[in-house]
Protein backbone atom coordinates (compact mmCIF):
# COMPACT_ATOMS: atom_id res chain seq x y z
CA MET A 1 -24.46 10.99 -4.16
CA SER A 2 -22.28 13.86 -4.76
CA SER A 3 -18.19 13.04 -5.98
CA SER A 4 -18.22 15.90 -2.94
CA ARG A 5 -19.94 14.00 -0.90
CA ALA A 6 -18.47 10.59 -1.09
CA ARG A 7 -19.37 8.14 1.22
CA ARG A 8 -16.50 7.47 3.94
CA SER A 9 -15.59 3.45 5.22
CA PRO A 10 -16.54 3.81 8.82
CA PHE A 11 -12.70 2.35 9.08
CA ASP A 12 -11.18 5.17 6.95
CA ALA A 13 -8.30 6.39 8.99
CA GLN A 14 -9.09 10.15 7.98
CA ALA A 15 -12.27 9.91 9.83
CA GLY A 16 -10.34 9.22 13.14
CA ILE A 17 -10.66 4.73 13.16
CA ALA A 18 -7.81 3.10 13.31
CA PRO A 19 -7.99 0.44 10.47
CA VAL A 20 -9.26 -3.17 11.11
CA PRO A 21 -6.44 -5.36 10.62
CA ARG A 22 -7.09 -8.21 7.86
CA LEU A 23 -8.04 -11.58 8.88
CA SER A 24 -7.49 -13.38 5.84
CA LEU A 25 -7.50 -12.51 2.32
CA LYS A 26 -8.87 -13.91 -0.82
CA VAL A 27 -7.56 -16.88 -2.98
CA GLN A 28 -5.20 -14.70 -5.22
CA GLU A 29 -4.27 -11.97 -2.66
CA ALA A 30 -2.90 -15.06 -0.89
CA ALA A 31 -1.13 -16.06 -3.90
CA GLU A 32 0.11 -12.78 -4.43
CA ALA A 33 1.06 -11.91 -0.71
CA LEU A 34 3.56 -14.75 -1.01
CA GLY A 35 5.06 -14.31 -3.93
CA VAL A 36 3.72 -17.13 -5.94
CA SER A 37 1.99 -17.61 -9.53
CA TRP A 38 -1.45 -18.74 -9.53
CA ASP A 39 -0.40 -21.99 -11.14
CA THR A 40 2.41 -22.43 -7.90
CA TRP A 41 -0.74 -21.47 -5.43
CA LYS A 42 -3.27 -24.68 -6.71
CA ALA A 43 -0.27 -27.41 -7.48
CA HIS A 44 1.41 -26.38 -4.03
CA ILE A 45 0.23 -24.52 -1.27
CA GLU A 46 -4.22 -24.63 -1.52
CA PRO A 47 -3.62 -28.52 -1.06
CA ASP A 48 -1.95 -27.15 2.51
CA VAL A 49 -4.29 -24.70 3.59
CA ARG A 50 -7.46 -24.54 5.57
CA LEU A 51 -10.11 -22.44 3.17
CA VAL A 52 -13.14 -21.14 4.94
CA ARG A 53 -15.77 -20.38 2.10
CA ILE A 54 -18.49 -18.16 2.22
CA GLY A 55 -21.09 -19.33 -0.77
CA ALA A 56 -18.28 -19.27 -4.24
CA ARG A 57 -15.91 -17.28 -1.68
CA LYS A 58 -13.12 -18.68 -0.53
CA LEU A 59 -10.88 -17.30 2.22
CA VAL A 60 -7.44 -17.58 3.46
CA PRO A 61 -6.49 -16.70 7.12
CA ILE A 62 -3.48 -14.94 7.51
CA THR A 63 -2.73 -17.03 10.24
CA GLU A 64 -2.84 -20.83 7.57
CA LEU A 65 0.02 -18.72 5.66
CA GLN A 66 2.21 -18.40 7.97
CA ARG A 67 1.47 -21.63 9.46
CA TRP A 68 2.87 -22.63 5.65
CA LEU A 69 5.58 -20.89 5.34
CA ASP A 70 6.48 -21.95 9.49
CA GLU A 71 6.21 -25.44 7.55
CA HIS A 72 7.88 -25.14 4.14
CA ALA A 73 10.84 -23.02 5.40
CA GLU A 74 14.53 -24.11 5.21
CA SER A 75 17.21 -23.05 7.28
CA THR A 76 20.08 -22.03 5.34
CA LEU A 77 22.58 -21.44 7.98
CA GLU A 78 24.47 -24.46 9.42
CA ARG A 79 23.63 -25.38 12.63
CA ARG A 80 26.38 -26.06 15.31
């Protein structure tokens, strides 16, 4: 296929179709999304989140990341 006729994804915004929001991330993407290193992910986060396994691939549901953040968040303001 020539570069001038590159295949267009069915989710390509230029094709007039809105992209589908992602429901999961690869593990490395999840660590990056949280702003943590691989070592921090393995030691402190992965044990607490549910993963979806597809063969050797591991996917992290976005909802699991949000749940983990909510459960581990601390309030920095004094409660009155």
